[in-house]
């Protein structure tokens, strides 16, 4: 790495950055950066250019160069900027136990990159290393420290057990959760037998969700659904994840994005009800009432705070001015 440390990096060295809620994060092979246009057309909130599993060893260097150019292109004035109202760009690098991962990180950590996905995280130490390397590169490229978010993938039994400590290792971590695809790393690590109903992973997804939320990850994401044609099954699985408290999902095919976005978005009726509930509680408080009857139910400040959170997350997906460093201002 040619960037030099100046002592200001590392976990906890910067304040928490407000991150945009992401409903859908779509994987795109690092060798097929031209597919980013399809990803954006699908409505994906974020694309994850993959330099790990989707790229054969002999193609790693060429893919790294393609991905770095795609990131740089996102930062150009004529590009469709990322952030709220546009597709954000993430990159999954190789595991941090190889030097190639540091080379990939340095190649892509530049204006235009919204987030870095860390595969096969072993401990919170991996997150701290990535945090420090990103801080050096942010200084090198004149980016705001903390501009690039981190997404640690919990793919081993140890990482799943230590989900809280991993998510708490850096304030960059806003998106984390359990990705319980059939036949993948998590199934092999835990030993469950996957079913479309997801009953065998329900407790795992719930516990990991609680851990990462307790650690401060504001927008936990789950996944994956690998049956490309079974959109009904995808919808059921997405609805189950949303009911647990996840705010988005990782996807592997553009056809999955509209379903995921719909499930993880409040509809017009939910938004209108939230506004009415807040108004009713505030009116009651003005009259000295701590709780009021609202559409047949008792509601109070706690319910109003939840309704305000729904509205806030929805508004944070609305377009804001581009800051010129790969991020956008939120309304």
Protein backbone atom coordinates (compact mmCIF):
# COMPACT_ATOMS: atom_id res chain seq x y z
CA UNK A 1 0.00 0.00 0.00
CA UNK A 2 1.45 3.37 -0.95
CA UNK A 3 -1.01 5.37 1.13
CA UNK A 4 0.52 6.43 4.42
CA UNK A 5 -1.12 6.16 7.81
CA UNK A 6 -1.43 9.45 9.64
CA UNK A 7 -2.73 8.18 12.94
CA UNK A 8 -6.33 9.16 12.39
CA UNK A 9 -7.66 5.87 11.05
CA UNK A 10 -9.03 2.76 12.67
CA UNK A 11 -12.26 1.76 14.33
CA UNK A 12 -13.78 4.46 16.43
CA UNK A 13 -11.54 7.17 15.03
CA UNK A 14 -14.34 8.81 13.11
CA UNK A 15 -17.93 9.62 13.94
CA UNK A 16 -20.75 7.47 12.68
CA UNK A 17 -21.89 8.43 9.18
CA UNK A 18 -25.53 8.48 8.22
CA UNK A 19 -26.06 5.67 5.69
CA UNK A 20 -28.81 5.30 3.14
CA UNK A 21 -31.20 2.38 3.74
CA UNK A 22 -30.65 -0.27 1.07
CA UNK A 23 -33.50 -2.58 0.19
CA UNK A 24 -31.71 -4.55 -2.52
CA UNK A 25 -28.01 -5.26 -3.08
CA UNK A 26 -27.45 -7.09 -6.37
CA UNK A 27 -24.33 -9.14 -7.05
CA UNK A 28 -22.61 -8.50 -10.40
CA UNK A 29 -19.49 -10.47 -11.48
CA UNK A 30 -16.37 -8.34 -11.50
CA UNK A 31 -15.64 -9.59 -15.00
CA UNK A 32 -18.97 -8.28 -16.31
CA UNK A 33 -19.00 -4.63 -15.30
CA UNK A 34 -21.09 -3.88 -18.39
CA UNK A 35 -23.97 -5.54 -16.53
CA UNK A 36 -24.11 -2.56 -14.16
CA UNK A 37 -26.55 -0.91 -16.58
CA UNK A 38 -28.88 -3.90 -16.20
CA UNK A 39 -28.52 -3.76 -12.45
CA UNK A 40 -29.46 -0.09 -12.43
CA UNK A 41 -32.38 -0.72 -14.79
CA UNK A 42 -33.68 -3.39 -12.40
CA UNK A 43 -34.04 -0.73 -9.69
CA UNK A 44 -31.37 -2.14 -7.38
CA UNK A 45 -30.45 0.22 -4.57
CA UNK A 46 -26.86 -1.08 -4.74
CA UNK A 47 -24.75 -3.28 -6.96
CA UNK A 48 -21.95 -5.43 -5.53
CA UNK A 49 -19.17 -5.97 -8.04
CA UNK A 50 -17.71 -9.32 -7.03
CA UNK A 51 -13.95 -9.94 -7.09
CA UNK A 52 -14.20 -13.08 -4.94
CA UNK A 53 -16.25 -16.17 -5.81
CA UNK A 54 -17.50 -14.87 -9.17
CA UNK A 55 -13.97 -14.52 -10.59
CA UNK A 56 -11.58 -17.35 -11.47
CA UNK A 57 -8.02 -17.00 -10.19
CA UNK A 58 -6.53 -16.40 -13.63
CA UNK A 59 -8.97 -13.53 -14.20
CA UNK A 60 -8.45 -11.73 -10.87
CA UNK A 61 -6.04 -9.04 -12.09
CA UNK A 62 -8.10 -8.15 -15.16
CA UNK A 63 -11.28 -8.09 -13.12
CA UNK A 64 -9.66 -5.81 -10.54
CA UNK A 65 -8.76 -3.33 -13.27
CA UNK A 66 -12.28 -3.46 -14.74
CA UNK A 67 -13.88 -2.92 -11.34
CA UNK A 68 -11.54 -0.05 -10.47
CA UNK A 69 -12.48 1.66 -13.73
CA UNK A 70 -16.19 1.10 -13.04
CA UNK A 71 -15.78 2.73 -9.63
CA UNK A 72 -13.91 5.67 -11.13
CA UNK A 73 -16.60 6.07 -13.75
CA UNK A 74 -19.28 6.34 -11.06
CA UNK A 75 -17.46 9.36 -9.63
CA UNK A 76 -17.35 11.28 -12.91
CA UNK A 77 -19.74 14.23 -13.29
CA UNK A 78 -21.54 12.66 -16.27
CA UNK A 79 -22.22 9.39 -14.44
CA UNK A 80 -25.43 8.59 -12.63
CA UNK A 81 -24.31 9.33 -9.10
CA UNK A 82 -24.79 6.81 -6.32
CA UNK A 83 -26.44 7.45 -2.99
CA UNK A 84 -30.08 8.19 -2.32
CA UNK A 85 -32.11 8.14 -5.48
CA UNK A 86 -29.40 6.31 -7.49
CA UNK A 87 -27.69 2.93 -7.43
CA UNK A 88 -24.77 2.77 -5.02
CA UNK A 89 -21.66 0.79 -5.93
CA UNK A 90 -20.10 -1.77 -3.60
CA UNK A 91 -17.20 -4.16 -4.23
CA UNK A 92 -16.63 -7.57 -2.68
CA UNK A 93 -12.90 -8.14 -2.38
CA UNK A 94 -11.02 -11.37 -1.66
CA UNK A 95 -10.68 -12.58 1.97
CA UNK A 96 -8.28 -10.48 3.99
CA UNK A 97 -5.95 -13.41 4.70
CA UNK A 98 -4.42 -12.88 1.24
CA UNK A 99 -2.25 -9.97 0.04
CA UNK A 100 -4.41 -9.80 -3.08
CA UNK A 101 -7.23 -8.45 -0.90
CA UNK A 102 -5.12 -5.42 0.10
CA UNK A 103 -4.29 -4.80 -3.56
CA UNK A 104 -7.98 -5.00 -4.48
CA UNK A 105 -8.96 -2.70 -1.62
CA UNK A 106 -6.44 -0.07 -2.66
CA UNK A 107 -7.53 -0.31 -6.30
CA UNK A 108 -11.22 0.31 -5.58
CA UNK A 109 -11.16 2.55 -2.48
CA UNK A 110 -11.59 5.82 -4.34
CA UNK A 111 -14.36 8.31 -5.22
CA UNK A 112 -17.37 6.43 -6.56
CA UNK A 113 -17.18 3.56 -4.05
CA UNK A 114 -20.02 3.45 -1.54
CA UNK A 115 -19.04 0.31 0.31
CA UNK A 116 -16.64 -2.60 0.65
CA UNK A 117 -17.94 -6.14 1.20
CA UNK A 118 -15.63 -8.34 3.30
CA UNK A 119 -16.05 -12.09 2.68
CA UNK A 120 -15.30 -14.86 5.17
CA UNK A 121 -14.68 -12.50 8.07
CA UNK A 122 -12.90 -14.40 10.83
CA UNK A 123 -13.13 -11.88 13.68
CA UNK A 124 -13.53 -8.24 14.52
CA UNK A 125 -9.83 -7.89 13.74
CA UNK A 126 -10.58 -8.24 10.02
CA UNK A 127 -13.01 -5.33 10.24
CA UNK A 128 -10.51 -3.16 12.08
CA UNK A 129 -7.82 -3.87 9.48
CA UNK A 130 -10.19 -2.97 6.63
CA UNK A 131 -11.28 0.17 8.51
CA UNK A 132 -7.69 1.37 8.85
CA UNK A 133 -6.77 0.59 5.25
CA UNK A 134 -9.86 2.45 4.04
CA UNK A 135 -8.98 5.45 6.20
CA UNK A 136 -5.53 5.65 4.61
CA UNK A 137 -7.00 5.46 1.13
CA UNK A 138 -9.69 8.03 1.91
CA UNK A 139 -6.92 10.44 2.93
CA UNK A 140 -4.99 9.61 -0.23
CA UNK A 141 -7.98 10.41 -2.46
CA UNK A 142 -9.29 13.40 -0.50
CA UNK A 143 -12.42 11.59 0.66
CA UNK A 144 -14.21 12.28 3.91
CA UNK A 145 -13.00 9.77 6.51
CA UNK A 146 -15.71 7.15 6.95
CA UNK A 147 -17.25 7.77 3.53
CA UNK A 148 -16.90 4.10 2.55
CA UNK A 149 -19.08 1.70 4.48
CA UNK A 150 -18.13 -1.89 5.39
CA UNK A 151 -20.30 -4.98 4.96
CA UNK A 152 -18.79 -7.95 6.83
CA UNK A 153 -20.12 -11.29 5.57
CA UNK A 154 -20.71 -13.76 8.41
CA UNK A 155 -19.96 -17.07 6.70
CA UNK A 156 -18.44 -19.24 9.44
CA UNK A 157 -19.84 -20.57 12.70
CA UNK A 158 -17.35 -18.44 14.65
CA UNK A 159 -18.29 -15.26 12.76
CA UNK A 160 -22.01 -15.94 13.25
CA UNK A 161 -21.43 -16.49 16.95
CA UNK A 162 -19.40 -13.27 17.18
CA UNK A 163 -21.77 -11.18 15.03
CA UNK A 164 -22.10 -8.46 17.68
CA UNK A 165 -18.36 -7.94 18.13
CA UNK A 166 -17.74 -7.97 14.38
CA UNK A 167 -20.47 -5.39 13.69
CA UNK A 168 -19.30 -3.24 16.61
CA UNK A 169 -15.66 -3.21 15.46
CA UNK A 170 -16.18 -0.14 13.25
CA UNK A 171 -18.75 2.59 12.90
CA UNK A 172 -18.50 1.97 9.15
CA UNK A 173 -20.63 -1.18 9.57
CA UNK A 174 -24.23 -0.27 8.74
CA UNK A 175 -25.28 -3.34 6.74
CA UNK A 176 -24.73 -6.84 8.17
CA UNK A 177 -26.77 -9.96 8.74
CA UNK A 178 -27.17 -13.66 8.07
CA UNK A 179 -27.04 -14.82 4.42
CA UNK A 180 -28.54 -18.31 4.60
CA UNK A 181 -28.49 -19.52 1.00
CA UNK A 182 -28.86 -23.23 0.22
CA UNK A 183 -25.57 -25.05 -0.22
CA UNK A 184 -23.45 -22.03 0.61
CA UNK A 185 -20.79 -21.27 3.19
CA UNK A 186 -23.25 -20.77 6.04
CA UNK A 187 -25.08 -24.06 5.44
CA UNK A 188 -21.75 -25.89 5.37
CA UNK A 189 -20.52 -24.12 8.51
CA UNK A 190 -23.67 -24.60 10.59
CA UNK A 191 -24.85 -27.92 9.18
CA UNK A 192 -28.53 -27.11 8.70
CA UNK A 193 -30.57 -28.59 5.85
CA UNK A 194 -32.06 -25.72 3.87
CA UNK A 195 -35.76 -25.58 3.03
CA UNK A 196 -37.78 -22.98 1.09
CA UNK A 197 -39.77 -22.26 4.26
CA UNK A 198 -36.63 -21.20 6.11
CA UNK A 199 -37.70 -22.71 9.43
CA UNK A 200 -34.25 -24.22 10.04
CA UNK A 201 -32.56 -20.79 9.84
CA UNK A 202 -35.25 -18.67 11.50
CA UNK A 203 -33.55 -18.70 14.91
CA UNK A 204 -30.13 -18.05 13.36
CA UNK A 205 -31.36 -15.06 11.36
CA UNK A 206 -33.16 -13.70 14.42
CA UNK A 207 -30.14 -13.97 16.71
CA UNK A 208 -27.73 -12.44 14.21
CA UNK A 209 -30.20 -9.62 13.58
CA UNK A 210 -30.38 -8.83 17.30
CA UNK A 211 -26.58 -8.94 17.59
CA UNK A 212 -25.88 -6.54 14.72
CA UNK A 213 -28.64 -4.14 15.77
CA UNK A 214 -27.28 -4.10 19.32
CA UNK A 215 -23.87 -3.30 17.82
CA UNK A 216 -25.33 -0.28 16.02
CA UNK A 217 -25.74 -1.58 12.45
CA UNK A 218 -28.69 0.55 11.39
CA UNK A 219 -29.74 -1.30 8.24
CA UNK A 220 -29.26 -5.10 8.60
CA UNK A 221 -29.57 -7.04 5.36
CA UNK A 222 -30.28 -10.74 4.84
CA UNK A 223 -30.48 -13.21 1.97
CA UNK A 224 -30.01 -15.11 -0.30
CA UNK A 225 -32.70 -16.60 -2.54
CA UNK A 226 -31.03 -18.62 -5.28
CA UNK A 227 -34.02 -20.04 -7.19
CA UNK A 228 -34.16 -17.55 -10.06
CA UNK A 229 -37.61 -18.54 -11.33
CA UNK A 230 -39.41 -18.89 -7.97
CA UNK A 231 -40.49 -15.31 -7.34
CA UNK A 232 -43.33 -16.40 -5.05
CA UNK A 233 -40.84 -18.19 -2.81
CA UNK A 234 -38.59 -15.15 -2.89
CA UNK A 235 -41.46 -12.95 -1.77
CA UNK A 236 -42.29 -15.25 1.16
CA UNK A 237 -38.66 -15.35 2.24
CA UNK A 238 -38.26 -11.57 1.91
CA UNK A 239 -41.45 -10.98 3.89
CA UNK A 240 -40.15 -13.31 6.59
CA UNK A 241 -36.90 -11.35 6.79
CA UNK A 242 -38.72 -8.04 6.93
CA UNK A 243 -40.96 -9.36 9.70
CA UNK A 244 -37.85 -10.30 11.69
CA UNK A 245 -36.50 -6.75 11.37
CA UNK A 246 -34.17 -6.85 8.36
CA UNK A 247 -34.34 -3.77 6.15
CA UNK A 248 -33.07 -5.29 2.91
CA UNK A 249 -31.72 -8.34 1.11
CA UNK A 250 -28.82 -9.36 -1.08
CA UNK A 251 -29.90 -10.60 -4.53
CA UNK A 252 -28.26 -12.64 -7.28
CA UNK A 253 -30.52 -11.87 -10.25
CA UNK A 254 -32.08 -8.63 -11.59
CA UNK A 255 -35.54 -10.25 -11.72
CA UNK A 256 -35.46 -10.52 -7.93
CA UNK A 257 -34.92 -6.81 -7.33
CA UNK A 258 -38.48 -5.48 -7.92
CA UNK A 259 -39.91 -8.09 -5.52
CA UNK A 260 -37.36 -7.30 -2.83
CA UNK A 261 -37.81 -3.54 -3.21
CA UNK A 262 -41.57 -3.88 -2.89
CA UNK A 263 -41.37 -6.03 0.22
CA UNK A 264 -38.92 -3.72 1.99
CA UNK A 265 -40.71 -0.48 1.07
CA UNK A 266 -43.60 1.02 3.02
CA UNK A 267 -46.61 1.43 0.76
CA UNK A 268 -48.69 4.60 0.52
CA UNK A 269 -51.20 3.32 3.07
CA UNK A 270 -48.45 2.56 5.63
CA UNK A 271 -46.91 6.00 5.18
CA UNK A 272 -50.27 7.73 5.49
CA UNK A 273 -51.11 5.75 8.63
CA UNK A 274 -47.75 6.68 10.17
CA UNK A 275 -48.44 10.37 9.55
CA UNK A 276 -51.93 10.10 11.07
CA UNK A 277 -50.62 8.24 14.12
CA UNK A 278 -47.94 10.84 14.78
CA UNK A 279 -50.48 13.64 14.46
CA UNK A 280 -52.85 11.89 16.88
CA UNK A 281 -50.16 11.35 19.51
CA UNK A 282 -48.86 14.91 19.21
CA UNK A 283 -52.41 16.25 19.51
CA UNK A 284 -52.95 14.15 22.63
CA UNK A 285 -49.69 15.34 24.16
CA UNK A 286 -50.70 18.94 23.53
CA UNK A 287 -53.83 18.20 25.56
CA UNK A 288 -51.81 16.56 28.35
CA UNK A 289 -52.58 12.95 27.39
CA UNK A 290 -49.73 10.43 27.37
CA UNK A 291 -51.70 7.85 25.40
CA UNK A 292 -54.62 8.25 22.99
CA UNK A 293 -57.01 6.04 21.10
CA UNK A 294 -56.08 5.84 17.43
CA UNK A 295 -58.14 3.84 14.97
CA UNK A 296 -59.29 1.49 17.71
CA UNK A 297 -55.91 1.04 19.42
CA UNK A 298 -54.10 2.70 22.28
CA UNK A 299 -50.95 4.46 21.09
CA UNK A 300 -48.32 6.57 22.82
CA UNK A 301 -44.89 8.12 22.29
CA UNK A 302 -43.22 4.75 21.59
CA UNK A 303 -45.59 4.07 18.69
CA UNK A 304 -45.10 7.62 17.41
CA UNK A 305 -41.32 7.14 17.44
CA UNK A 306 -41.68 3.94 15.40
CA UNK A 307 -43.90 5.75 12.90
CA UNK A 308 -41.36 8.57 12.64
CA UNK A 309 -38.63 6.00 11.93
CA UNK A 310 -40.70 4.57 9.04
CA UNK A 311 -41.08 8.04 7.54
CA UNK A 312 -37.42 8.93 8.09
CA UNK A 313 -36.14 5.79 6.35
CA UNK A 314 -38.47 6.40 3.44
CA UNK A 315 -37.34 10.03 3.08
CA UNK A 316 -33.67 9.05 3.25
CA UNK A 317 -34.16 7.18 -0.02
CA UNK A 318 -35.23 10.40 -1.75
CA UNK A 319 -32.61 12.16 -3.93
CA UNK A 320 -30.25 14.63 -2.32
CA UNK A 321 -27.41 16.75 -3.74
CA UNK A 322 -24.21 14.90 -4.67
CA UNK A 323 -21.29 15.65 -2.38
CA UNK A 324 -18.68 14.78 -5.00
CA UNK A 325 -17.05 12.06 -2.89
CA UNK A 326 -19.22 9.09 -3.74
CA UNK A 327 -21.91 10.04 -1.22
CA UNK A 328 -25.04 12.16 -1.33
CA UNK A 329 -26.62 14.42 1.22
CA UNK A 330 -29.78 13.11 2.83
CA UNK A 331 -32.99 15.05 3.21
